[in-house]
Amino acid sequence: MTALPPFTIARYGVYLALAVAVLTTWLATRAGHPFDEALMRAIFTFVLVTAVAFGAEAIILTSPPRTQPTQDPDPEDHPTDASGTADD
């Protein structure tokens, strides 16, 4: 698995926040709310979704990297004699 480039989640989170804000504005105006109230709702929604996206990005960037588990060496690489000691 390859690591994500920095700020990938934040970038797509901002795109998602913009889409949600536009959808919120459109749905609020369709429901009969004045445009300025719908716009304020959209701004509030945009800020919340953006904050969640940057928070998720901060958690990912500050978490320790995953370590690969160590594998046992192949027994065929180190043959042993009958006493169990390695032949050198």
PDB file of N, CA and C in Angstrom:
ATOM      1  N   MET A   1       0.831  -1.173   0.000  1.00  0.00           N
ATOM      2  CA  MET A   1       0.000   0.000   0.000  1.00  0.00           C
ATOM      3  C   MET A   1       0.882   1.247   0.000  1.00  0.00           C
ATOM      4  N   THR A   2       0.591   2.171  -0.874  1.00  0.00           N
ATOM      5  CA  THR A   2       1.384   3.390  -0.940  1.00  0.00           C
ATOM      6  C   THR A   2       0.779   4.445  -0.034  1.00  0.00           C
ATOM      7  N   ALA A   3       1.620   5.310   0.487  1.00  0.00           N
ATOM      8  CA  ALA A   3       1.155   6.383   1.362  1.00  0.00           C
ATOM      9  C   ALA A   3       0.494   7.473   0.526  1.00  0.00           C
ATOM     10  N   LEU A   4      -0.491   8.108   1.114  1.00  0.00           N
ATOM     11  CA  LEU A   4      -1.143   9.223   0.440  1.00  0.00           C
ATOM     12  C   LEU A   4      -0.233  10.439   0.460  1.00  0.00           C
ATOM     13  N   PRO A   5      -0.235  11.223  -0.602  1.00  0.00           N
ATOM     14  CA  PRO A   5       0.510  12.481  -0.561  1.00  0.00           C
ATOM     15  C   PRO A   5      -0.089  13.400   0.511  1.00  0.00           C
ATOM     16  N   PRO A   6       0.703  14.286   1.075  1.00  0.00           N
ATOM     17  CA  PRO A   6       0.171  15.171   2.110  1.00  0.00           C
ATOM     18  C   PRO A   6      -1.011  16.009   1.606  1.00  0.00           C
ATOM     19  N   PHE A   7      -1.959  16.225   2.471  1.00  0.00           N
ATOM     20  CA  PHE A   7      -3.148  17.056   2.245  1.00  0.00           C
ATOM     21  C   PHE A   7      -4.096  16.514   1.179  1.00  0.00           C
ATOM     22  N   THR A   8      -4.044  15.232   0.883  1.00  0.00           N
ATOM     23  CA  THR A   8      -4.985  14.645  -0.072  1.00  0.00           C
ATOM     24  C   THR A   8      -6.389  14.637   0.511  1.00  0.00           C
ATOM     25  N   ILE A   9      -6.509  14.190   1.743  1.00  0.00           N
ATOM     26  CA  ILE A   9      -7.829  14.132   2.373  1.00  0.00           C
ATOM     27  C   ILE A   9      -8.383  15.539   2.566  1.00  0.00           C
ATOM     28  N   ALA A  10      -7.533  16.472   2.951  1.00  0.00           N
ATOM     29  CA  ALA A  10      -7.992  17.849   3.148  1.00  0.00           C
ATOM     30  C   ALA A  10      -8.460  18.454   1.824  1.00  0.00           C
ATOM     31  N   ARG A  11      -7.741  18.194   0.745  1.00  0.00           N
ATOM     32  CA  ARG A  11      -8.118  18.747  -0.561  1.00  0.00           C
ATOM     33  C   ARG A  11      -9.482  18.226  -0.991  1.00  0.00           C
ATOM     34  N   TYR A  12      -9.661  16.901  -0.920  1.00  0.00           N
ATOM     35  CA  TYR A  12     -10.945  16.348  -1.318  1.00  0.00           C
ATOM     36  C   TYR A  12     -12.037  16.689  -0.312  1.00  0.00           C
ATOM     37  N   GLY A  13     -11.666  16.919   0.943  1.00  0.00           N
ATOM     38  CA  GLY A  13     -12.637  17.366   1.932  1.00  0.00           C
ATOM     39  C   GLY A  13     -13.161  18.757   1.618  1.00  0.00           C
ATOM     40  N   VAL A  14     -12.287  19.638   1.140  1.00  0.00           N
ATOM     41  CA  VAL A  14     -12.722  20.980   0.751  1.00  0.00           C
ATOM     42  C   VAL A  14     -13.623  20.895  -0.475  1.00  0.00           C
ATOM     43  N   TYR A  15     -13.301  20.039  -1.435  1.00  0.00           N
ATOM     44  CA  TYR A  15     -14.169  19.859  -2.597  1.00  0.00           C
ATOM     45  C   TYR A  15     -15.538  19.342  -2.167  1.00  0.00           C
ATOM     46  N   LEU A  16     -15.548  18.378  -1.247  1.00  0.00           N
ATOM     47  CA  LEU A  16     -16.806  17.848  -0.738  1.00  0.00           C
ATOM     48  C   LEU A  16     -17.578  18.923   0.013  1.00  0.00           C
ATOM     49  N   ALA A  17     -16.868  19.732   0.802  1.00  0.00           N
ATOM     50  CA  ALA A  17     -17.526  20.808   1.542  1.00  0.00           C
ATOM     51  C   ALA A  17     -18.155  21.825   0.599  1.00  0.00           C
ATOM     52  N   LEU A  18     -17.475  22.142  -0.482  1.00  0.00           N
ATOM     53  CA  LEU A  18     -18.029  23.073  -1.463  1.00  0.00           C
ATOM     54  C   LEU A  18     -19.285  22.492  -2.107  1.00  0.00           C
ATOM     55  N   ALA A  19     -19.240  21.216  -2.456  1.00  0.00           N
ATOM     56  CA  ALA A  19     -20.406  20.573  -3.058  1.00  0.00           C
ATOM     57  C   ALA A  19     -21.586  20.538  -2.079  1.00  0.00           C
ATOM     58  N   VAL A  20     -21.304  20.240  -0.819  1.00  0.00           N
ATOM     59  CA  VAL A  20     -22.365  20.204   0.189  1.00  0.00           C
ATOM     60  C   VAL A  20     -22.920  21.606   0.414  1.00  0.00           C
ATOM     61  N   ALA A  21     -22.077  22.624   0.404  1.00  0.00           N
ATOM     62  CA  ALA A  21     -22.545  23.998   0.591  1.00  0.00           C
ATOM     63  C   ALA A  21     -23.457  24.428  -0.553  1.00  0.00           C
ATOM     64  N   VAL A  22     -23.081  24.102  -1.769  1.00  0.00           N
ATOM     65  CA  VAL A  22     -23.922  24.446  -2.921  1.00  0.00           C
ATOM     66  C   VAL A  22     -25.252  23.699  -2.834  1.00  0.00           C
ATOM     67  N   LEU A  23     -25.196  22.425  -2.493  1.00  0.00           N
ATOM     68  CA  LEU A  23     -26.420  21.638  -2.359  1.00  0.00           C
ATOM     69  C   LEU A  23     -27.295  22.177  -1.229  1.00  0.00           C
ATOM     70  N   THR A  24     -26.685  22.565  -0.124  1.00  0.00           N
ATOM     71  CA  THR A  24     -27.434  23.131   0.994  1.00  0.00           C
ATOM     72  C   THR A  24     -28.124  24.428   0.591  1.00  0.00           C
ATOM     73  N   THR A  25     -27.428  25.280  -0.135  1.00  0.00           N
ATOM     74  CA  THR A  25     -28.024  26.540  -0.583  1.00  0.00           C
ATOM     75  C   THR A  25     -29.196  26.278  -1.517  1.00  0.00           C
ATOM     76  N   TRP A  26     -28.998  25.392  -2.455  1.00  0.00           N
ATOM     77  CA  TRP A  26     -30.042  25.098  -3.430  1.00  0.00           C
ATOM     78  C   TRP A  26     -31.278  24.504  -2.757  1.00  0.00           C
ATOM     79  N   LEU A  27     -31.056  23.538  -1.860  1.00  0.00           N
ATOM     80  CA  LEU A  27     -32.193  22.912  -1.193  1.00  0.00           C
ATOM     81  C   LEU A  27     -32.911  23.884  -0.262  1.00  0.00           C
ATOM     82  N   ALA A  28     -32.162  24.770   0.405  1.00  0.00           N
ATOM     83  CA  ALA A  28     -32.796  25.737   1.303  1.00  0.00           C
ATOM     84  C   ALA A  28     -33.634  26.746   0.524  1.00  0.00           C
ATOM     85  N   THR A  29     -33.152  27.191  -0.619  1.00  0.00           N
ATOM     86  CA  THR A  29     -33.949  28.126  -1.417  1.00  0.00           C
ATOM     87  C   THR A  29     -35.177  27.429  -1.997  1.00  0.00           C
ATOM     88  N   ARG A  30     -35.046  26.167  -2.331  1.00  0.00           N
ATOM     89  CA  ARG A  30     -36.206  25.409  -2.828  1.00  0.00           C
ATOM     90  C   ARG A  30     -37.245  25.191  -1.731  1.00  0.00           C
ATOM     91  N   ALA A  31     -36.778  25.152  -0.468  1.00  0.00           N
ATOM     92  CA  ALA A  31     -37.692  24.951   0.652  1.00  0.00           C
ATOM     93  C   ALA A  31     -38.357  26.254   1.092  1.00  0.00           C
ATOM     94  N   GLY A  32     -37.984  27.375   0.477  1.00  0.00           N
ATOM     95  CA  GLY A  32     -38.641  28.636   0.766  1.00  0.00           C
ATOM     96  C   GLY A  32     -37.878  29.560   1.687  1.00  0.00           C
ATOM     97  N   HIS A  33     -36.668  29.220   2.048  1.00  0.00           N
ATOM     98  CA  HIS A  33     -35.876  30.121   2.888  1.00  0.00           C
ATOM     99  C   HIS A  33     -35.325  31.259   2.036  1.00  0.00           C
ATOM    100  N   PRO A  34     -35.162  32.443   2.632  1.00  0.00           N
ATOM    101  CA  PRO A  34     -34.541  33.530   1.878  1.00  0.00           C
ATOM    102  C   PRO A  34     -33.106  33.164   1.490  1.00  0.00           C
ATOM    103  N   PHE A  35     -32.641  33.770   0.406  1.00  0.00           N
ATOM    104  CA  PHE A  35     -31.319  33.426  -0.114  1.00  0.00           C
ATOM    105  C   PHE A  35     -30.214  33.720   0.888  1.00  0.00           C
ATOM    106  N   ASP A  36     -30.298  34.836   1.615  1.00  0.00           N
ATOM    107  CA  ASP A  36     -29.236  35.168   2.565  1.00  0.00           C
ATOM    108  C   ASP A  36     -29.184  34.151   3.704  1.00  0.00           C
ATOM    109  N   GLU A  37     -30.335  33.665   4.156  1.00  0.00           N
ATOM    110  CA  GLU A  37     -30.338  32.632   5.190  1.00  0.00           C
ATOM    111  C   GLU A  37     -29.778  31.316   4.643  1.00  0.00           C
ATOM    112  N   ALA A  38     -30.127  30.996   3.416  1.00  0.00           N
ATOM    113  CA  ALA A  38     -29.603  29.781   2.796  1.00  0.00           C
ATOM    114  C   ALA A  38     -28.096  29.871   2.613  1.00  0.00           C
ATOM    115  N   LEU A  39     -27.605  31.045   2.269  1.00  0.00           N
ATOM    116  CA  LEU A  39     -26.164  31.237   2.098  1.00  0.00           C
ATOM    117  C   LEU A  39     -25.429  31.120   3.431  1.00  0.00           C
ATOM    118  N   MET A  40     -26.025  31.641   4.492  1.00  0.00           N
ATOM    119  CA  MET A  40     -25.414  31.506   5.810  1.00  0.00           C
ATOM    120  C   MET A  40     -25.365  30.047   6.259  1.00  0.00           C
ATOM    121  N   ARG A  41     -26.406  29.296   5.955  1.00  0.00           N
ATOM    122  CA  ARG A  41     -26.386  27.864   6.251  1.00  0.00           C
ATOM    123  C   ARG A  41     -25.278  27.166   5.475  1.00  0.00           C
ATOM    124  N   ALA A  42     -25.129  27.546   4.219  1.00  0.00           N
ATOM    125  CA  ALA A  42     -24.097  26.928   3.389  1.00  0.00           C
ATOM    126  C   ALA A  42     -22.703  27.235   3.918  1.00  0.00           C
ATOM    127  N   ILE A  43     -22.489  28.469   4.346  1.00  0.00           N
ATOM    128  CA  ILE A  43     -21.173  28.837   4.883  1.00  0.00           C
ATOM    129  C   ILE A  43     -20.899  28.059   6.163  1.00  0.00           C
ATOM    130  N   PHE A  44     -21.907  27.948   7.023  1.00  0.00           N
ATOM    131  CA  PHE A  44     -21.755  27.188   8.260  1.00  0.00           C
ATOM    132  C   PHE A  44     -21.444  25.730   7.957  1.00  0.00           C
ATOM    133  N   THR A  45     -22.150  25.143   6.999  1.00  0.00           N
ATOM    134  CA  THR A  45     -21.900  23.753   6.607  1.00  0.00           C
ATOM    135  C   THR A  45     -20.511  23.595   6.013  1.00  0.00           C
ATOM    136  N   PHE A  46     -20.096  24.541   5.172  1.00  0.00           N
ATOM    137  CA  PHE A  46     -18.771  24.484   4.557  1.00  0.00           C
ATOM    138  C   PHE A  46     -17.676  24.493   5.618  1.00  0.00           C
ATOM    139  N   VAL A  47     -17.811  25.352   6.615  1.00  0.00           N
ATOM    140  CA  VAL A  47     -16.801  25.443   7.666  1.00  0.00           C
ATOM    141  C   VAL A  47     -16.738  24.141   8.462  1.00  0.00           C
ATOM    142  N   LEU A  48     -17.896  23.579   8.792  1.00  0.00           N
ATOM    143  CA  LEU A  48     -17.906  22.330   9.552  1.00  0.00           C
ATOM    144  C   LEU A  48     -17.264  21.177   8.786  1.00  0.00           C
ATOM    145  N   VAL A  49     -17.634  20.989   7.536  1.00  0.00           N
ATOM    146  CA  VAL A  49     -17.087  19.880   6.745  1.00  0.00           C
ATOM    147  C   VAL A  49     -15.595  20.086   6.491  1.00  0.00           C
ATOM    148  N   THR A  50     -15.171  21.322   6.255  1.00  0.00           N
ATOM    149  CA  THR A  50     -13.750  21.604   6.055  1.00  0.00           C
ATOM    150  C   THR A  50     -12.953  21.333   7.330  1.00  0.00           C
ATOM    151  N   ALA A  51     -13.510  21.697   8.476  1.00  0.00           N
ATOM    152  CA  ALA A  51     -12.820  21.439   9.736  1.00  0.00           C
ATOM    153  C   ALA A  51     -12.661  19.944   9.973  1.00  0.00           C
ATOM    154  N   VAL A  52     -13.669  19.166   9.643  1.00  0.00           N
ATOM    155  CA  VAL A  52     -13.576  17.711   9.785  1.00  0.00           C
ATOM    156  C   VAL A  52     -12.508  17.155   8.842  1.00  0.00           C
ATOM    157  N   ALA A  53     -12.451  17.653   7.621  1.00  0.00           N
ATOM    158  CA  ALA A  53     -11.458  17.172   6.654  1.00  0.00           C
ATOM    159  C   ALA A  53     -10.038  17.497   7.114  1.00  0.00           C
ATOM    160  N   PHE A  54      -9.803  18.704   7.581  1.00  0.00           N
ATOM    161  CA  PHE A  54      -8.463  19.061   8.045  1.00  0.00           C
ATOM    162  C   PHE A  54      -8.114  18.331   9.336  1.00  0.00           C
ATOM    163  N   GLY A  55      -9.104  18.072  10.177  1.00  0.00           N
ATOM    164  CA  GLY A  55      -8.858  17.279  11.377  1.00  0.00           C
ATOM    165  C   GLY A  55      -8.448  15.860  11.046  1.00  0.00           C
ATOM    166  N   ALA A  56      -9.132  15.260  10.071  1.00  0.00           N
ATOM    167  CA  ALA A  56      -8.761  13.911   9.641  1.00  0.00           C
ATOM    168  C   ALA A  56      -7.367  13.895   9.043  1.00  0.00           C
ATOM    169  N   GLU A  57      -7.030  14.918   8.278  1.00  0.00           N
ATOM    170  CA  GLU A  57      -5.698  15.008   7.689  1.00  0.00           C
ATOM    171  C   GLU A  57      -4.636  15.153   8.774  1.00  0.00           C
ATOM    172  N   ALA A  58      -4.929  15.941   9.793  1.00  0.00           N
ATOM    173  CA  ALA A  58      -3.966  16.125  10.886  1.00  0.00           C
ATOM    174  C   ALA A  58      -3.741  14.821  11.641  1.00  0.00           C
ATOM    175  N   ILE A  59      -4.785  14.058  11.835  1.00  0.00           N
ATOM    176  CA  ILE A  59      -4.637  12.768  12.516  1.00  0.00           C
ATOM    177  C   ILE A  59      -3.765  11.829  11.697  1.00  0.00           C
ATOM    178  N   ILE A  60      -3.992  11.800  10.407  1.00  0.00           N
ATOM    179  CA  ILE A  60      -3.207  10.900   9.549  1.00  0.00           C
ATOM    180  C   ILE A  60      -1.750  11.346   9.474  1.00  0.00           C
ATOM    181  N   LEU A  61      -1.514  12.655   9.363  1.00  0.00           N
ATOM    182  CA  LEU A  61      -0.138  13.133   9.230  1.00  0.00           C
ATOM    183  C   LEU A  61       0.660  12.996  10.520  1.00  0.00           C
ATOM    184  N   THR A  62       0.008  13.044  11.675  1.00  0.00           N
ATOM    185  CA  THR A  62       0.741  12.971  12.934  1.00  0.00           C
ATOM    186  C   THR A  62       0.802  11.567  13.514  1.00  0.00           C
ATOM    187  N   SER A  63       0.131  10.611  12.895  1.00  0.00           N
ATOM    188  CA  SER A  63       0.193   9.239  13.409  1.00  0.00           C
ATOM    189  C   SER A  63       1.520   8.603  13.001  1.00  0.00           C
ATOM    190  N   PRO A  64       2.030   7.695  13.821  1.00  0.00           N
ATOM    191  CA  PRO A  64       3.303   7.059  13.467  1.00  0.00           C
ATOM    192  C   PRO A  64       3.126   6.163  12.239  1.00  0.00           C
ATOM    193  N   PRO A  65       4.161   6.060  11.419  1.00  0.00           N
ATOM    194  CA  PRO A  65       4.041   5.225  10.222  1.00  0.00           C
ATOM    195  C   PRO A  65       3.923   3.749  10.594  1.00  0.00           C
ATOM    196  N   ARG A  66       3.272   3.020   9.739  1.00  0.00           N
ATOM    197  CA  ARG A  66       3.142   1.579   9.960  1.00  0.00           C
ATOM    198  C   ARG A  66       4.491   0.912   9.747  1.00  0.00           C
ATOM    199  N   THR A  67       4.764  -0.071  10.561  1.00  0.00           N
ATOM    200  CA  THR A  67       5.991  -0.841  10.376  1.00  0.00           C
ATOM    201  C   THR A  67       5.630  -2.185   9.777  1.00  0.00           C
ATOM    202  N   GLN A  68       6.480  -2.656   8.915  1.00  0.00           N
ATOM    203  CA  GLN A  68       6.264  -3.956   8.313  1.00  0.00           C
ATOM    204  C   GLN A  68       6.641  -5.029   9.326  1.00  0.00           C
ATOM    205  N   PRO A  69       5.833  -6.058   9.471  1.00  0.00           N
ATOM    206  CA  PRO A  69       6.202  -7.117  10.415  1.00  0.00           C
ATOM    207  C   PRO A  69       7.463  -7.837   9.935  1.00  0.00           C
ATOM    208  N   THR A  70       8.308  -8.184  10.892  1.00  0.00           N
ATOM    209  CA  THR A  70       9.530  -8.896  10.531  1.00  0.00           C
ATOM    210  C   THR A  70       9.178 -10.340  10.232  1.00  0.00           C
ATOM    211  N   GLN A  71       9.768 -10.845   9.191  1.00  0.00           N
ATOM    212  CA  GLN A  71       9.497 -12.216   8.793  1.00  0.00           C
ATOM    213  C   GLN A  71      10.618 -13.104   9.303  1.00  0.00           C
ATOM    214  N   ASP A  72      10.244 -14.310   9.682  1.00  0.00           N
ATOM    215  CA  ASP A  72      11.254 -15.272  10.113  1.00  0.00           C
ATOM    216  C   ASP A  72      12.122 -15.640   8.918  1.00  0.00           C
ATOM    217  N   PRO A  73      13.441 -15.799   9.141  1.00  0.00           N
ATOM    218  CA  PRO A  73      14.300 -16.178   8.022  1.00  0.00           C
ATOM    219  C   PRO A  73      13.917 -17.563   7.522  1.00  0.00           C
ATOM    220  N   ASP A  74      14.141 -17.757   6.265  1.00  0.00           N
ATOM    221  CA  ASP A  74      13.825 -19.041   5.631  1.00  0.00           C
ATOM    222  C   ASP A  74      14.772 -20.114   6.175  1.00  0.00           C
ATOM    223  N   PRO A  75      14.252 -21.226   6.688  1.00  0.00           N
ATOM    224  CA  PRO A  75      15.139 -22.260   7.239  1.00  0.00           C
ATOM    225  C   PRO A  75      16.076 -22.870   6.196  1.00  0.00           C
ATOM    226  N   GLU A  76      15.720 -22.782   4.935  1.00  0.00           N
ATOM    227  CA  GLU A  76      16.588 -23.340   3.900  1.00  0.00           C
ATOM    228  C   GLU A  76      17.827 -22.476   3.685  1.00  0.00           C
ATOM    229  N   ASP A  77      17.766 -21.196   4.077  1.00  0.00           N
ATOM    230  CA  ASP A  77      18.927 -20.319   3.939  1.00  0.00           C
ATOM    231  C   ASP A  77      20.008 -20.637   4.963  1.00  0.00           C
ATOM    232  N   HIS A  78      19.650 -21.185   6.097  1.00  0.00           N
ATOM    233  CA  HIS A  78      20.591 -21.489   7.172  1.00  0.00           C
ATOM    234  C   HIS A  78      20.445 -22.954   7.557  1.00  0.00           C
ATOM    235  N   PRO A  79      21.112 -23.833   6.824  1.00  0.00           N
ATOM    236  CA  PRO A  79      20.976 -25.256   7.153  1.00  0.00           C
ATOM    237  C   PRO A  79      21.597 -25.572   8.516  1.00  0.00           C
ATOM    238  N   THR A  80      20.999 -26.507   9.204  1.00  0.00           N
ATOM    239  CA  THR A  80      21.506 -26.932  10.509  1.00  0.00           C
ATOM    240  C   THR A  80      21.899 -28.403  10.424  1.00  0.00           C
ATOM    241  N   ASP A  81      22.860 -28.785  11.282  1.00  0.00           N
ATOM    242  CA  ASP A  81      23.227 -30.200  11.328  1.00  0.00           C
ATOM    243  C   ASP A  81      22.310 -30.921  12.319  1.00  0.00           C
ATOM    244  N   ALA A  82      22.589 -32.155  12.625  1.00  0.00           N
ATOM    245  CA  ALA A  82      21.733 -32.962  13.486  1.00  0.00           C
ATOM    246  C   ALA A  82      21.661 -32.419  14.903  1.00  0.00           C
ATOM    247  N   SER A  83      22.694 -31.721  15.377  1.00  0.00           N
ATOM    248  CA  SER A  83      22.679 -31.205  16.749  1.00  0.00           C
ATOM    249  C   SER A  83      21.877 -29.909  16.859  1.00  0.00           C
ATOM    250  N   GLY A  84      21.441 -29.344  15.750  1.00  0.00           N
ATOM    251  CA  GLY A  84      20.647 -28.127  15.770  1.00  0.00           C
ATOM    252  C   GLY A  84      21.457 -26.857  15.659  1.00  0.00           C
ATOM    253  N   THR A  85      22.764 -26.943  15.492  1.00  0.00           N
ATOM    254  CA  THR A  85      23.581 -25.750  15.341  1.00  0.00           C
ATOM    255  C   THR A  85      23.807 -25.489  13.861  1.00  0.00           C
ATOM    256  N   ALA A  86      23.989 -24.252  13.533  1.00  0.00           N
ATOM    257  CA  ALA A  86      24.174 -23.877  12.145  1.00  0.00           C
ATOM    258  C   ALA A  86      25.582 -24.223  11.673  1.00  0.00           C
ATOM    259  N   ASP A  87      25.685 -24.679  10.424  1.00  0.00           N
ATOM    260  CA  ASP A  87      26.988 -24.939   9.814  1.00  0.00           C
ATOM    261  C   ASP A  87      27.563 -23.643   9.296  1.00  0.00           C
ATOM    262  N   ASP A  88      28.738 -23.297   9.769  1.00  0.00           N
ATOM    263  CA  ASP A  88      29.382 -22.070   9.269  1.00  0.00           C
ATOM    264  C   ASP A  88      30.653 -22.396   8.576  1.00  0.00           C
TER     265      ASP A  88
END
